[in-house]
Amino acid sequence: MTEKHPDIVPTTPQGLARAGEALRDGDLVAFPTETVYGLGGDATNDRAVAAIFAAKGRPQFNPLIIHVPDLEAGQAVAVFDDRAVELAQQFWPGPLTLVLPRRPEAGLSLLVSAGLDSVAVRVPNHPVGQALLKAAGRPVAAPSANRSGAVSPTTPHHVIESLGDRIRMVVAGGKCPVGLESTVLDLTGAVPVLLRPGAVLREEIEQLIGPIQISAGDPTAPKSPGQLESHYAPNAAVRLNATNAEDDEAFLTFGPDRFMRGGKARLNLSPQGDLNEAAANLFAHLRQLDQEGARAIAVMPIPDEGLGVAINDRLRRAAAPRG
């Protein structure tokens, strides 16, 4: 039997119009954002949202992020207080997701919120993602376009490799420039809580709205994506803080690695030690090393500062015990 692949849609006005129509029809469409490729479905359509969970093999207690084109569209689905408005005006469009009280009259599928009264919302900073949201004309639920718990996709090829015939279309918008999922901030309580680190740094948020807490996290009852203990995982085991690799391990390095030894395969996240470059390469490099068939992927230490906090968060989850 011939394996079926999703339609590959160009980023032309005609292609985006087709993809927008497919979303309105309840189909699943993968599309690029500045962070990773999202698996989009109409957030007001129960069947479309259920299809997202089915395509990913995702637990239905794990909420989804709603993507909208601008702050006004966000305010139509969620209740924004002064903190949320200030953050949105500063960081949207961009890689910041706000968890806010859901507007009951918004018509969102309750599956989106996984039984919670809140909803996670963001405005992506990618011209193709923006154009698709406007073509769809409705809020789009869009977790990363990969099987649940696996390495997130940053190219159209990654999407096809992970999801195959489970989705209708892939809008081919090239490589995602940021390469890590958005920062997620919970504003449903009096004290803001950082649920997931990302490209918008904790320090940047605190400069605007004051101190925020770091979530201890409950993987059995997450308030946003990316809180499951084991997540972003390749097939091979992941070994952190490695200074060398065994012969049957792949080696993921960072910075000048001329003194690093071992490994059946090696990739460097950033030879210059640039954390932005490392973030953009992380998921693609994990995927490439995973395909070498190594027993494990040994990963050099990454500085736990700036964007390195988000990189290390993804690596710790990739290395966590798997159920």
C-alpha atoms as a PDB file:
ATOM      1  CA  MET A   1       0.000   0.000   0.000  1.00  0.00           C
ATOM      2  CA  THR A   2       1.342   3.432  -0.921  1.00  0.00           C
ATOM      3  CA  GLU A   3       1.894   5.688   2.086  1.00  0.00           C
ATOM      4  CA  LYS A   4      -0.214   8.817   1.918  1.00  0.00           C
ATOM      5  CA  HIS A   5       1.273  12.188   2.748  1.00  0.00           C
ATOM      6  CA  PRO A   6      -0.482  15.484   3.507  1.00  0.00           C
ATOM      7  CA  ASP A   7      -0.841  18.077   0.768  1.00  0.00           C
ATOM      8  CA  ILE A   8       2.097  20.487   0.689  1.00  0.00           C
ATOM      9  CA  VAL A   9       0.687  23.981   0.280  1.00  0.00           C
ATOM     10  CA  PRO A  10       2.795  26.937  -0.926  1.00  0.00           C
ATOM     11  CA  THR A  11       2.735  30.248   0.904  1.00  0.00           C
ATOM     12  CA  THR A  12       1.023  32.024  -1.987  1.00  0.00           C
ATOM     13  CA  PRO A  13      -2.283  33.863  -1.488  1.00  0.00           C
ATOM     14  CA  GLN A  14      -4.013  30.991  -3.263  1.00  0.00           C
ATOM     15  CA  GLY A  15      -2.298  28.368  -1.101  1.00  0.00           C
ATOM     16  CA  LEU A  16      -3.113  30.206   2.102  1.00  0.00           C
ATOM     17  CA  ALA A  17      -6.731  30.633   1.013  1.00  0.00           C
ATOM     18  CA  ARG A  18      -6.924  26.852   0.480  1.00  0.00           C
ATOM     19  CA  ALA A  19      -5.437  26.211   3.907  1.00  0.00           C
ATOM     20  CA  GLY A  20      -7.820  28.699   5.548  1.00  0.00           C
ATOM     21  CA  GLU A  21     -10.782  26.983   3.899  1.00  0.00           C
ATOM     22  CA  ALA A  22      -9.518  23.594   5.086  1.00  0.00           C
ATOM     23  CA  LEU A  23      -9.381  24.890   8.672  1.00  0.00           C
ATOM     24  CA  ARG A  24     -12.942  26.217   8.422  1.00  0.00           C
ATOM     25  CA  ASP A  25     -14.003  22.805   7.080  1.00  0.00           C
ATOM     26  CA  GLY A  26     -12.641  21.134  10.227  1.00  0.00           C
ATOM     27  CA  ASP A  27      -9.445  19.720   8.709  1.00  0.00           C
ATOM     28  CA  LEU A  28      -5.998  19.811  10.336  1.00  0.00           C
ATOM     29  CA  VAL A  29      -3.371  22.081   8.800  1.00  0.00           C
ATOM     30  CA  ALA A  30       0.257  22.317   9.945  1.00  0.00           C
ATOM     31  CA  PHE A  31       1.786  25.771   9.579  1.00  0.00           C
ATOM     32  CA  PRO A  32       4.935  27.667  10.566  1.00  0.00           C
ATOM     33  CA  THR A  33       5.287  30.081  13.450  1.00  0.00           C
ATOM     34  CA  GLU A  34       8.474  31.735  14.643  1.00  0.00           C
ATOM     35  CA  THR A  35       8.791  29.036  17.330  1.00  0.00           C
ATOM     36  CA  VAL A  36       7.905  25.631  15.808  1.00  0.00           C
ATOM     37  CA  TYR A  37       5.390  24.249  13.311  1.00  0.00           C
ATOM     38  CA  GLY A  38       1.894  24.145  14.776  1.00  0.00           C
ATOM     39  CA  LEU A  39      -0.801  21.548  14.122  1.00  0.00           C
ATOM     40  CA  GLY A  40      -3.766  23.811  13.492  1.00  0.00           C
ATOM     41  CA  GLY A  41      -7.449  23.074  13.942  1.00  0.00           C
ATOM     42  CA  ASP A  42     -10.520  25.308  14.287  1.00  0.00           C
ATOM     43  CA  ALA A  43     -10.651  26.080  18.025  1.00  0.00           C
ATOM     44  CA  THR A  44     -14.433  26.486  17.876  1.00  0.00           C
ATOM     45  CA  ASN A  45     -14.989  23.041  16.337  1.00  0.00           C
ATOM     46  CA  ASP A  46     -15.144  20.110  18.794  1.00  0.00           C
ATOM     47  CA  ARG A  47     -14.395  17.555  16.089  1.00  0.00           C
ATOM     48  CA  ALA A  48     -11.380  19.469  14.794  1.00  0.00           C
ATOM     49  CA  VAL A  49      -9.937  19.858  18.294  1.00  0.00           C
ATOM     50  CA  ALA A  50     -10.555  16.177  19.056  1.00  0.00           C
ATOM     51  CA  ALA A  51      -8.767  15.348  15.789  1.00  0.00           C
ATOM     52  CA  ILE A  52      -5.689  17.262  17.016  1.00  0.00           C
ATOM     53  CA  PHE A  53      -5.516  15.091  20.127  1.00  0.00           C
ATOM     54  CA  ALA A  54      -6.007  11.943  18.036  1.00  0.00           C
ATOM     55  CA  ALA A  55      -3.380  12.886  15.429  1.00  0.00           C
ATOM     56  CA  LYS A  56      -0.773  13.617  18.098  1.00  0.00           C
ATOM     57  CA  GLY A  57      -1.731  10.780  20.448  1.00  0.00           C
ATOM     58  CA  ARG A  58      -1.957  13.560  23.030  1.00  0.00           C
ATOM     59  CA  PRO A  59      -3.516  13.123  26.487  1.00  0.00           C
ATOM     60  CA  GLN A  60      -6.787  15.065  26.614  1.00  0.00           C
ATOM     61  CA  PHE A  61      -5.879  16.534  30.024  1.00  0.00           C
ATOM     62  CA  ASN A  62      -3.092  18.518  28.317  1.00  0.00           C
ATOM     63  CA  PRO A  63      -4.454  21.935  27.201  1.00  0.00           C
ATOM     64  CA  LEU A  64      -3.847  23.522  23.804  1.00  0.00           C
ATOM     65  CA  ILE A  65      -2.693  27.020  22.846  1.00  0.00           C
ATOM     66  CA  ILE A  66      -5.058  29.208  20.830  1.00  0.00           C
ATOM     67  CA  HIS A  67      -3.446  31.276  18.065  1.00  0.00           C
ATOM     68  CA  VAL A  68      -5.024  34.576  17.025  1.00  0.00           C
ATOM     69  CA  PRO A  69      -3.813  37.365  14.702  1.00  0.00           C
ATOM     70  CA  ASP A  70      -3.828  40.264  17.187  1.00  0.00           C
ATOM     71  CA  LEU A  71      -4.690  41.501  20.677  1.00  0.00           C
ATOM     72  CA  GLU A  72      -8.265  42.380  19.709  1.00  0.00           C
ATOM     73  CA  ALA A  73      -8.874  38.791  18.590  1.00  0.00           C
ATOM     74  CA  GLY A  74      -7.314  37.571  21.836  1.00  0.00           C
ATOM     75  CA  GLN A  75      -9.659  39.747  23.883  1.00  0.00           C
ATOM     76  CA  ALA A  76     -12.596  38.114  22.108  1.00  0.00           C
ATOM     77  CA  VAL A  77     -11.703  34.709  23.589  1.00  0.00           C
ATOM     78  CA  ALA A  78     -10.112  35.589  26.952  1.00  0.00           C
ATOM     79  CA  VAL A  79     -10.366  38.174  29.732  1.00  0.00           C
ATOM     80  CA  PHE A  80      -7.316  40.476  29.773  1.00  0.00           C
ATOM     81  CA  ASP A  81      -6.416  42.422  32.911  1.00  0.00           C
ATOM     82  CA  ASP A  82      -3.974  45.347  32.911  1.00  0.00           C
ATOM     83  CA  ARG A  83      -0.976  43.006  33.233  1.00  0.00           C
ATOM     84  CA  ALA A  84      -2.063  40.944  30.234  1.00  0.00           C
ATOM     85  CA  VAL A  85      -2.685  44.011  28.085  1.00  0.00           C
ATOM     86  CA  GLU A  86       0.724  45.466  28.955  1.00  0.00           C
ATOM     87  CA  LEU A  87       2.512  42.201  28.153  1.00  0.00           C
ATOM     88  CA  ALA A  88       0.590  41.729  24.918  1.00  0.00           C
ATOM     89  CA  GLN A  89       1.378  45.254  23.781  1.00  0.00           C
ATOM     90  CA  GLN A  90       5.071  44.686  24.508  1.00  0.00           C
ATOM     91  CA  PHE A  91       5.604  41.142  23.240  1.00  0.00           C
ATOM     92  CA  TRP A  92       2.867  40.409  20.670  1.00  0.00           C
ATOM     93  CA  PRO A  93       3.246  39.317  18.014  1.00  0.00           C
ATOM     94  CA  GLY A  94       5.885  37.065  19.511  1.00  0.00           C
ATOM     95  CA  PRO A  95       6.750  33.912  21.451  1.00  0.00           C
ATOM     96  CA  LEU A  96       4.731  34.648  24.609  1.00  0.00           C
ATOM     97  CA  THR A  97       1.611  32.669  25.559  1.00  0.00           C
ATOM     98  CA  LEU A  98      -0.728  34.068  28.221  1.00  0.00           C
ATOM     99  CA  VAL A  99      -2.998  31.785  30.248  1.00  0.00           C
ATOM    100  CA  LEU A 100      -6.116  33.820  31.014  1.00  0.00           C
ATOM    101  CA  PRO A 101      -9.749  33.326  32.069  1.00  0.00           C
ATOM    102  CA  ARG A 102     -11.725  31.972  29.107  1.00  0.00           C
ATOM    103  CA  ARG A 103     -14.730  33.951  27.875  1.00  0.00           C
ATOM    104  CA  PRO A 104     -17.686  31.512  27.966  1.00  0.00           C
ATOM    105  CA  GLU A 105     -19.346  33.390  25.097  1.00  0.00           C
ATOM    106  CA  ALA A 106     -16.285  32.956  22.836  1.00  0.00           C
ATOM    107  CA  GLY A 107     -17.571  29.619  21.530  1.00  0.00           C
ATOM    108  CA  LEU A 108     -14.276  27.793  22.005  1.00  0.00           C
ATOM    109  CA  SER A 109     -14.388  24.021  22.189  1.00  0.00           C
ATOM    110  CA  LEU A 110     -14.097  23.005  25.845  1.00  0.00           C
ATOM    111  CA  LEU A 111     -11.560  20.371  24.779  1.00  0.00           C
ATOM    112  CA  VAL A 112      -9.110  23.214  24.128  1.00  0.00           C
ATOM    113  CA  SER A 113      -8.921  24.023  27.847  1.00  0.00           C
ATOM    114  CA  ALA A 114      -8.919  20.384  29.023  1.00  0.00           C
ATOM    115  CA  GLY A 115     -11.701  21.071  31.517  1.00  0.00           C
ATOM    116  CA  LEU A 116     -10.196  24.292  32.909  1.00  0.00           C
ATOM    117  CA  ASP A 117     -11.831  27.733  33.003  1.00  0.00           C
ATOM    118  CA  SER A 118      -8.697  29.242  31.469  1.00  0.00           C
ATOM    119  CA  VAL A 119      -7.335  29.384  27.944  1.00  0.00           C
ATOM    120  CA  ALA A 120      -3.780  29.787  26.633  1.00  0.00           C
ATOM    121  CA  VAL A 121      -3.524  32.468  23.922  1.00  0.00           C
ATOM    122  CA  ARG A 122      -0.772  33.881  21.754  1.00  0.00           C
ATOM    123  CA  VAL A 123      -0.184  35.953  18.606  1.00  0.00           C
ATOM    124  CA  PRO A 124       2.559  34.386  16.458  1.00  0.00           C
ATOM    125  CA  ASN A 125       5.237  36.572  14.875  1.00  0.00           C
ATOM    126  CA  HIS A 126       5.526  34.855  11.497  1.00  0.00           C
ATOM    127  CA  PRO A 127       4.167  36.299   8.240  1.00  0.00           C
ATOM    128  CA  VAL A 128       2.874  32.932   7.018  1.00  0.00           C
ATOM    129  CA  GLY A 129       1.243  32.069  10.343  1.00  0.00           C
ATOM    130  CA  GLN A 130      -0.326  35.518  10.484  1.00  0.00           C
ATOM    131  CA  ALA A 131      -1.635  35.255   6.928  1.00  0.00           C
ATOM    132  CA  LEU A 132      -3.139  31.823   7.614  1.00  0.00           C
ATOM    133  CA  LEU A 133      -4.918  33.004  10.763  1.00  0.00           C
ATOM    134  CA  LYS A 134      -6.446  35.873   8.816  1.00  0.00           C
ATOM    135  CA  ALA A 135      -7.436  33.513   5.980  1.00  0.00           C
ATOM    136  CA  ALA A 136      -9.088  31.139   8.467  1.00  0.00           C
ATOM    137  CA  GLY A 137     -11.013  33.937  10.129  1.00  0.00           C
ATOM    138  CA  ARG A 138     -11.301  32.170  13.482  1.00  0.00           C
ATOM    139  CA  PRO A 139      -9.108  31.194  16.450  1.00  0.00           C
ATOM    140  CA  VAL A 140      -6.840  28.238  15.691  1.00  0.00           C
ATOM    141  CA  ALA A 141      -5.763  25.676  18.283  1.00  0.00           C
ATOM    142  CA  ALA A 142      -2.213  24.653  17.428  1.00  0.00           C
ATOM    143  CA  PRO A 143       0.120  22.506  19.519  1.00  0.00           C
ATOM    144  CA  SER A 144       3.419  21.486  17.952  1.00  0.00           C
ATOM    145  CA  ALA A 145       2.920  19.403  14.808  1.00  0.00           C
ATOM    146  CA  ASN A 146       4.449  16.123  16.009  1.00  0.00           C
ATOM    147  CA  ARG A 147       3.477  13.001  17.902  1.00  0.00           C
ATOM    148  CA  SER A 148       2.896  13.761  21.574  1.00  0.00           C
ATOM    149  CA  GLY A 149       6.067  13.787  23.666  1.00  0.00           C
ATOM    150  CA  ALA A 150       8.380  13.632  20.656  1.00  0.00           C
ATOM    151  CA  VAL A 151      10.845  16.215  19.355  1.00  0.00           C
ATOM    152  CA  SER A 152       9.089  19.351  18.093  1.00  0.00           C
ATOM    153  CA  PRO A 153       9.177  20.128  14.336  1.00  0.00           C
ATOM    154  CA  THR A 154      10.986  23.146  12.907  1.00  0.00           C
ATOM    155  CA  THR A 155      10.688  22.276   9.175  1.00  0.00           C
ATOM    156  CA  PRO A 156       7.900  20.909   6.933  1.00  0.00           C
ATOM    157  CA  HIS A 157       9.890  17.667   6.561  1.00  0.00           C
ATOM    158  CA  HIS A 158       9.798  17.141  10.332  1.00  0.00           C
ATOM    159  CA  VAL A 159       6.001  17.456  10.289  1.00  0.00           C
ATOM    160  CA  ILE A 160       5.579  14.895   7.523  1.00  0.00           C
ATOM    161  CA  GLU A 161       8.090  12.559   9.177  1.00  0.00           C
ATOM    162  CA  SER A 162       6.179  12.667  12.474  1.00  0.00           C
ATOM    163  CA  LEU A 163       2.529  12.825  11.425  1.00  0.00           C
ATOM    164  CA  GLY A 164       2.449  11.351   7.914  1.00  0.00           C
ATOM    165  CA  ASP A 165      -1.140  10.921   6.726  1.00  0.00           C
ATOM    166  CA  ARG A 166      -2.747  12.044   9.991  1.00  0.00           C
ATOM    167  CA  ILE A 167      -3.270  15.607   8.735  1.00  0.00           C
ATOM    168  CA  ARG A 168      -4.726  17.232   5.624  1.00  0.00           C
ATOM    169  CA  MET A 169      -2.138  19.895   4.743  1.00  0.00           C
ATOM    170  CA  VAL A 170       1.260  21.355   5.556  1.00  0.00           C
ATOM    171  CA  VAL A 171       1.866  25.015   4.710  1.00  0.00           C
ATOM    172  CA  ALA A 172       5.527  24.974   3.684  1.00  0.00           C
ATOM    173  CA  GLY A 173       7.057  28.084   5.227  1.00  0.00           C
ATOM    174  CA  GLY A 174      10.687  27.007   5.627  1.00  0.00           C
ATOM    175  CA  LYS A 175      12.642  26.678   8.869  1.00  0.00           C
ATOM    176  CA  CYS A 176      11.286  28.270  12.063  1.00  0.00           C
ATOM    177  CA  PRO A 177      13.654  31.054  13.161  1.00  0.00           C
ATOM    178  CA  VAL A 178      13.328  30.733  16.979  1.00  0.00           C
ATOM    179  CA  GLY A 179      13.091  26.938  17.170  1.00  0.00           C
ATOM    180  CA  LEU A 180      11.767  26.654  20.750  1.00  0.00           C
ATOM    181  CA  GLU A 181       8.159  26.810  21.897  1.00  0.00           C
ATOM    182  CA  SER A 182       6.792  30.004  23.415  1.00  0.00           C
ATOM    183  CA  THR A 183       7.167  31.186  26.975  1.00  0.00           C
ATOM    184  CA  VAL A 184       3.936  30.448  28.881  1.00  0.00           C
ATOM    185  CA  LEU A 185       2.789  32.765  31.682  1.00  0.00           C
ATOM    186  CA  ASP A 186      -0.259  32.081  33.870  1.00  0.00           C
ATOM    187  CA  LEU A 187      -2.151  35.260  34.750  1.00  0.00           C
ATOM    188  CA  THR A 188      -5.272  33.648  36.202  1.00  0.00           C
ATOM    189  CA  GLY A 189      -4.189  34.412  39.774  1.00  0.00           C
ATOM    190  CA  ALA A 190      -2.967  37.436  41.719  1.00  0.00           C
ATOM    191  CA  VAL A 191       0.661  36.317  41.313  1.00  0.00           C
ATOM    192  CA  PRO A 192       1.884  35.591  37.763  1.00  0.00           C
ATOM    193  CA  VAL A 193       3.360  32.095  37.338  1.00  0.00           C
ATOM    194  CA  LEU A 194       5.860  31.047  34.678  1.00  0.00           C
ATOM    195  CA  LEU A 195       4.629  27.677  33.422  1.00  0.00           C
ATOM    196  CA  ARG A 196       7.176  27.179  30.637  1.00  0.00           C
ATOM    197  CA  PRO A 197      10.361  29.134  29.838  1.00  0.00           C
ATOM    198  CA  GLY A 198      10.923  30.266  26.279  1.00  0.00           C
ATOM    199  CA  ALA A 199      12.334  33.034  24.091  1.00  0.00           C
ATOM    200  CA  VAL A 200      10.671  35.797  26.119  1.00  0.00           C
ATOM    201  CA  LEU A 201      12.806  35.747  29.253  1.00  0.00           C
ATOM    202  CA  ARG A 202      11.630  35.863  32.854  1.00  0.00           C
ATOM    203  CA  GLU A 203      13.690  39.025  33.403  1.00  0.00           C
ATOM    204  CA  GLU A 204      11.953  40.791  30.514  1.00  0.00           C
ATOM    205  CA  ILE A 205       8.521  39.953  31.926  1.00  0.00           C
ATOM    206  CA  GLU A 206       9.453  41.069  35.442  1.00  0.00           C
ATOM    207  CA  GLN A 207      10.663  44.424  34.139  1.00  0.00           C
ATOM    208  CA  LEU A 208       7.081  45.093  33.046  1.00  0.00           C
ATOM    209  CA  ILE A 209       4.850  43.554  35.708  1.00  0.00           C
ATOM    210  CA  GLY A 210       7.109  42.824  38.681  1.00  0.00           C
ATOM    211  CA  PRO A 211       8.076  39.503  40.304  1.00  0.00           C
ATOM    212  CA  ILE A 212       6.709  36.240  38.953  1.00  0.00           C
ATOM    213  CA  GLN A 213       6.757  32.754  40.417  1.00  0.00           C
ATOM    214  CA  ILE A 214       8.176  29.656  38.749  1.00  0.00           C
ATOM    215  CA  SER A 215       5.710  26.779  38.539  1.00  0.00           C
ATOM    216  CA  ALA A 216       6.615  23.658  40.458  1.00  0.00           C
ATOM    217  CA  GLY A 217       4.443  21.908  37.878  1.00  0.00           C
ATOM    218  CA  ASP A 218       2.016  19.035  38.204  1.00  0.00           C
ATOM    219  CA  PRO A 219       2.474  16.730  35.195  1.00  0.00           C
ATOM    220  CA  THR A 220      -0.852  15.019  35.987  1.00  0.00           C
ATOM    221  CA  ALA A 221      -2.789  18.305  35.761  1.00  0.00           C
ATOM    222  CA  PRO A 222      -0.937  20.716  33.452  1.00  0.00           C
ATOM    223  CA  LYS A 223      -2.271  24.246  32.868  1.00  0.00           C
ATOM    224  CA  SER A 224      -0.414  24.589  29.582  1.00  0.00           C
ATOM    225  CA  PRO A 225       1.510  22.529  27.024  1.00  0.00           C
ATOM    226  CA  GLY A 226       5.101  21.559  27.792  1.00  0.00           C
ATOM    227  CA  GLN A 227       4.545  20.680  31.463  1.00  0.00           C
ATOM    228  CA  LEU A 228       4.565  16.897  31.137  1.00  0.00           C
ATOM    229  CA  GLU A 229       7.608  15.396  32.849  1.00  0.00           C
ATOM    230  CA  SER A 230       8.715  13.466  29.745  1.00  0.00           C
ATOM    231  CA  HIS A 231       8.430  15.609  26.635  1.00  0.00           C
ATOM    232  CA  TYR A 232      10.393  16.661  23.528  1.00  0.00           C
ATOM    233  CA  ALA A 233      12.005  13.204  23.538  1.00  0.00           C
ATOM    234  CA  PRO A 234      13.858  11.505  20.648  1.00  0.00           C
ATOM    235  CA  ASN A 235      13.791   7.710  20.343  1.00  0.00           C
ATOM    236  CA  ALA A 236      17.288   7.416  21.811  1.00  0.00           C
ATOM    237  CA  ALA A 237      17.868   8.056  25.496  1.00  0.00           C
ATOM    238  CA  VAL A 238      19.294  11.473  26.374  1.00  0.00           C
ATOM    239  CA  ARG A 239      22.264  11.891  28.739  1.00  0.00           C
ATOM    240  CA  LEU A 240      22.874  15.415  30.025  1.00  0.00           C
ATOM    241  CA  ASN A 241      25.983  17.318  31.158  1.00  0.00           C
ATOM    242  CA  ALA A 242      28.300  15.052  29.184  1.00  0.00           C
ATOM    243  CA  THR A 243      31.966  15.940  28.634  1.00  0.00           C
ATOM    244  CA  ASN A 244      32.496  13.075  26.191  1.00  0.00           C
ATOM    245  CA  ALA A 245      30.474  10.420  24.388  1.00  0.00           C
ATOM    246  CA  GLU A 246      30.792   6.653  24.242  1.00  0.00           C
ATOM    247  CA  ASP A 247      31.361   4.959  20.899  1.00  0.00           C
ATOM    248  CA  ASP A 248      27.689   3.932  20.652  1.00  0.00           C
ATOM    249  CA  GLU A 249      26.381   7.381  21.623  1.00  0.00           C
ATOM    250  CA  ALA A 250      25.758  10.441  19.477  1.00  0.00           C
ATOM    251  CA  PHE A 251      27.214  13.701  20.806  1.00  0.00           C
ATOM    252  CA  LEU A 252      25.380  17.043  20.892  1.00  0.00           C
ATOM    253  CA  THR A 253      27.905  19.755  21.666  1.00  0.00           C
ATOM    254  CA  PHE A 254      27.882  23.498  22.304  1.00  0.00           C
ATOM    255  CA  GLY A 255      30.606  26.052  21.767  1.00  0.00           C
ATOM    256  CA  PRO A 256      34.161  25.253  20.615  1.00  0.00           C
ATOM    257  CA  ASP A 257      34.314  21.449  20.803  1.00  0.00           C
ATOM    258  CA  ARG A 258      37.770  20.710  19.449  1.00  0.00           C
ATOM    259  CA  PHE A 259      38.733  18.992  22.738  1.00  0.00           C
ATOM    260  CA  MET A 260      35.578  16.898  22.969  1.00  0.00           C
ATOM    261  CA  ARG A 261      36.012  13.233  22.150  1.00  0.00           C
ATOM    262  CA  GLY A 262      33.913  10.228  21.194  1.00  0.00           C
ATOM    263  CA  GLY A 263      30.545   9.574  19.644  1.00  0.00           C
ATOM    264  CA  LYS A 264      29.429   7.779  16.511  1.00  0.00           C
ATOM    265  CA  ALA A 265      27.993  11.066  15.263  1.00  0.00           C
ATOM    266  CA  ARG A 266      28.374  14.673  16.387  1.00  0.00           C
ATOM    267  CA  LEU A 267      26.527  17.943  15.859  1.00  0.00           C
ATOM    268  CA  ASN A 268      27.220  21.326  17.420  1.00  0.00           C
ATOM    269  CA  LEU A 269      24.302  23.522  18.489  1.00  0.00           C
ATOM    270  CA  SER A 270      26.463  26.625  18.090  1.00  0.00           C
ATOM    271  CA  PRO A 271      30.245  26.530  17.586  1.00  0.00           C
ATOM    272  CA  GLN A 272      30.367  30.184  18.662  1.00  0.00           C
ATOM    273  CA  GLY A 273      28.420  29.499  21.865  1.00  0.00           C
ATOM    274  CA  ASP A 274      25.413  31.599  20.736  1.00  0.00           C
ATOM    275  CA  LEU A 275      22.300  30.576  22.706  1.00  0.00           C
ATOM    276  CA  ASN A 276      19.933  31.976  20.056  1.00  0.00           C
ATOM    277  CA  GLU A 277      21.584  29.810  17.387  1.00  0.00           C
ATOM    278  CA  ALA A 278      21.520  26.833  19.774  1.00  0.00           C
ATOM    279  CA  ALA A 279      17.788  27.243  20.397  1.00  0.00           C
ATOM    280  CA  ALA A 280      17.043  27.427  16.675  1.00  0.00           C
ATOM    281  CA  ASN A 281      19.057  24.226  16.060  1.00  0.00           C
ATOM    282  CA  LEU A 282      18.038  22.179  19.112  1.00  0.00           C
ATOM    283  CA  PHE A 283      15.120  20.126  17.829  1.00  0.00           C
ATOM    284  CA  ALA A 284      16.505  19.663  14.303  1.00  0.00           C
ATOM    285  CA  HIS A 285      19.854  18.452  15.698  1.00  0.00           C
ATOM    286  CA  LEU A 286      18.165  16.047  18.140  1.00  0.00           C
ATOM    287  CA  ARG A 287      16.184  14.597  15.243  1.00  0.00           C
ATOM    288  CA  GLN A 288      19.252  14.245  13.025  1.00  0.00           C
ATOM    289  CA  LEU A 289      21.320  12.533  15.731  1.00  0.00           C
ATOM    290  CA  ASP A 290      18.402  10.260  16.584  1.00  0.00           C
ATOM    291  CA  GLN A 291      18.449   8.977  13.015  1.00  0.00           C
ATOM    292  CA  GLU A 292      22.036   7.756  13.460  1.00  0.00           C
ATOM    293  CA  GLY A 293      20.682   4.835  15.488  1.00  0.00           C
ATOM    294  CA  ALA A 294      22.755   5.601  18.563  1.00  0.00           C
ATOM    295  CA  ARG A 295      21.979   4.029  21.940  1.00  0.00           C
ATOM    296  CA  ALA A 296      21.829   7.472  23.497  1.00  0.00           C
ATOM    297  CA  ILE A 297      22.482  11.125  22.757  1.00  0.00           C
ATOM    298  CA  ALA A 298      25.076  12.672  25.075  1.00  0.00           C
ATOM    299  CA  VAL A 299      24.568  16.427  25.503  1.00  0.00           C
ATOM    300  CA  MET A 300      27.201  18.901  26.652  1.00  0.00           C
ATOM    301  CA  PRO A 301      26.281  21.352  29.424  1.00  0.00           C
ATOM    302  CA  ILE A 302      24.405  24.448  28.205  1.00  0.00           C
ATOM    303  CA  PRO A 303      24.764  27.705  30.194  1.00  0.00           C
ATOM    304  CA  ASP A 304      21.643  28.062  32.350  1.00  0.00           C
ATOM    305  CA  GLU A 305      21.117  31.746  31.627  1.00  0.00           C
ATOM    306  CA  GLY A 306      19.045  33.755  29.169  1.00  0.00           C
ATOM    307  CA  LEU A 307      17.646  31.494  26.473  1.00  0.00           C
ATOM    308  CA  GLY A 308      19.710  28.655  27.951  1.00  0.00           C
ATOM    309  CA  VAL A 309      17.057  28.316  30.682  1.00  0.00           C
ATOM    310  CA  ALA A 310      14.488  27.305  28.038  1.00  0.00           C
ATOM    311  CA  ILE A 311      16.960  25.041  26.214  1.00  0.00           C
ATOM    312  CA  ASN A 312      17.792  23.221  29.442  1.00  0.00           C
ATOM    313  CA  ASP A 313      14.095  22.886  30.284  1.00  0.00           C
ATOM    314  CA  ARG A 314      13.511  21.054  26.972  1.00  0.00           C
ATOM    315  CA  LEU A 315      16.610  18.896  27.445  1.00  0.00           C
ATOM    316  CA  ARG A 316      15.626  17.869  31.002  1.00  0.00           C
ATOM    317  CA  ARG A 317      12.197  16.793  29.762  1.00  0.00           C
ATOM    318  CA  ALA A 318      13.788  14.942  26.826  1.00  0.00           C
ATOM    319  CA  ALA A 319      15.992  13.080  29.310  1.00  0.00           C
ATOM    320  CA  ALA A 320      13.231  12.313  31.837  1.00  0.00           C
ATOM    321  CA  PRO A 321      12.097   8.718  32.460  1.00  0.00           C
ATOM    322  CA  ARG A 322       9.457   7.672  29.951  1.00  0.00           C
ATOM    323  CA  GLY A 323       6.198   6.072  30.871  1.00  0.00           C
END
